[in-house]
Amino acid sequence: MEDYQIDSRLIHMLMARLERISADSFWAHRASGVRGALLTMLEKTENGQPIPKFEMKRLAEMGFSILEKATLEKFK
């Protein structure tokens, strides 16, 4: 259960950061898709449905990658 709480807080933080990517950014559309997929995963988890841990990890990694690229784009 503790792992879920840590993952849940991290995912919520990641979703909030992805939401803040400027709509003018090339990465905004991709961020929106990842946010939607993360939200779906969280809802399933909160409803007691099992989700593959690797899928949540893959989505989180995609989200962090998008954040990094959007940040680099902003400072060019």
Protein backbone atom coordinates (compact mmCIF):
# COMPACT_ATOMS: atom_id res chain seq x y z
CA MET A 1 0.00 0.00 0.00
CA GLU A 2 2.83 2.42 0.76
CA ASP A 3 4.20 1.99 -2.77
CA TYR A 4 0.85 3.04 -4.19
CA GLN A 5 0.79 6.21 -2.06
CA ILE A 6 4.26 7.21 -3.22
CA ASP A 7 3.38 6.42 -6.82
CA SER A 8 0.07 8.23 -6.53
CA ARG A 9 1.67 11.43 -5.22
CA LEU A 10 4.36 11.31 -7.89
CA ILE A 11 1.80 10.74 -10.64
CA HIS A 12 -0.40 13.61 -9.39
CA MET A 13 2.64 15.91 -9.33
CA LEU A 14 3.65 14.81 -12.82
CA MET A 15 0.14 15.39 -14.16
CA ALA A 16 0.09 18.89 -12.66
CA ARG A 17 3.42 19.73 -14.29
CA LEU A 18 2.34 18.34 -17.66
CA GLU A 19 -0.78 20.48 -17.49
CA ARG A 20 1.34 23.61 -17.16
CA ILE A 21 3.12 23.14 -20.50
CA SER A 22 2.23 26.10 -22.68
CA ALA A 23 -0.36 25.46 -25.38
CA ASP A 24 2.09 27.07 -27.81
CA SER A 25 4.58 24.28 -27.17
CA PHE A 26 5.02 21.44 -29.63
CA TRP A 27 4.86 19.11 -26.60
CA ALA A 28 1.48 20.28 -25.25
CA HIS A 29 -0.58 17.81 -27.31
CA ARG A 30 1.61 14.87 -26.31
CA ALA A 31 1.51 15.96 -22.68
CA SER A 32 -2.28 15.99 -22.83
CA GLY A 33 -2.34 12.40 -24.07
CA VAL A 34 0.02 11.18 -21.37
CA ARG A 35 -1.97 13.05 -18.70
CA GLY A 36 -5.15 11.35 -19.88
CA ALA A 37 -3.55 7.92 -19.80
CA LEU A 38 -2.12 8.56 -16.31
CA LEU A 39 -5.52 9.72 -15.08
CA THR A 40 -7.14 6.55 -16.43
CA MET A 41 -4.52 4.42 -14.64
CA LEU A 42 -5.04 6.28 -11.36
CA GLU A 43 -8.80 5.88 -11.58
CA LYS A 44 -8.44 2.15 -12.16
CA THR A 45 -6.10 1.86 -9.19
CA GLU A 46 -8.42 3.84 -6.94
CA ASN A 47 -11.31 1.57 -7.98
CA GLY A 48 -9.30 -1.48 -6.98
CA GLN A 49 -8.64 -2.67 -10.52
CA PRO A 50 -5.18 -4.12 -11.09
CA ILE A 51 -2.90 -2.29 -13.46
CA PRO A 52 0.44 -3.46 -14.81
CA LYS A 53 3.19 -1.73 -12.83
CA PHE A 54 5.36 -1.56 -15.95
CA GLU A 55 2.63 0.40 -17.77
CA MET A 56 2.45 3.04 -15.03
CA LYS A 57 6.24 3.25 -15.05
CA ARG A 58 6.32 3.60 -18.84
CA LEU A 59 3.76 6.41 -18.77
CA ALA A 60 5.59 8.22 -15.97
CA GLU A 61 8.85 7.99 -17.91
CA MET A 62 7.12 9.38 -21.00
CA GLY A 63 5.72 12.22 -18.92
CA PHE A 64 9.10 13.15 -17.47
CA SER A 65 10.66 12.96 -20.91
CA ILE A 66 8.03 15.34 -22.31
CA LEU A 67 8.61 17.73 -19.41
CA GLU A 68 12.33 17.71 -20.08
CA LYS A 69 11.90 18.33 -23.80
CA ALA A 70 9.33 21.08 -23.25
CA THR A 71 11.70 22.78 -20.82
CA LEU A 72 14.60 22.58 -23.27
CA GLU A 73 12.35 23.99 -26.00
CA LYS A 74 11.37 26.90 -23.78
CA PHE A 75 14.96 27.91 -23.09
CA LYS A 76 16.23 27.74 -26.69
